[in-house]
Structure formats: C-alpha cells, structure tokens
Amino acid sequence: MKNSKTIETFDPQVVDNDITTVVKETNKVKGKVLLTDAEIVVSGGRGMKSSDNWGGLEEMADLLGAGMACSRPVSDEGWRSHTEHVGQTGKIIAPNLYMAFGISGAIQHLGG
C-alpha cells in the first residue's frame, strides 16, 4: 500500500458578525483589596440596620487595607453587592483577621 497524503489550504472567511462574546460573570471591586485575597476582612450584617450605616465599616476597611464583606441578608436587601457576600451560601474566604459587625446566624456565616 502506498501512503499518499494531500495538503490542502484552508482559508476561512470570518466576519465580525460570526464572532460573539458572552460574559458569564463579572467581578466588580469597589475597595482596594479583593475579598478573596484579603488578609483582613471587615464584614457587616443586617444589624447595621440600613445601607446608610456602612460608612464606618468602609472607613475601617480602608484604614486597615481590608476587604469588605457582608452577610446574605445584606446582599439580598441590596445594601451591598452580592460579590461581597460571604458564608455558607456565599464566597469562601480565609483571612488572618475577620471582623464581623451586626451579623447573626453565626453557624451559616462561619461555614464559608
């Protein structure tokens, strides 16, 4: 048997309409430190009473170079972004120092 191979040139015709981009997830970072990389995390829960009461926590996080986090009820209420939600149903983090203010449901929160 003889092995004969043929090389053919292929020149695809691609136009801009043939290419699409789908964004599946976006991660917006408000602070200076990514939550998943933060060595220090300042977190708040529903006990903060409203979205208007986060200024002190944000200032503390800035001063410490910390990441900001929140509990699920806070992100569900729209007080903070879902990208900051940590705990059993949120992001899993492992900072060296974690400061939680106004957070209940410790078992669920510490699960993450």
Foldseek 3Di string as FASTA:
>chain_A
DDDDDDDDDDDDDDDPVNDDDDDPDDDDADDDDQQQPFQEEEEEECQCVALVSCPVSNVVCNVVVGHYAYDPVCCVVVSDPLSRHAFQPHDDHDHNYYHYYHDPPVNRRVND
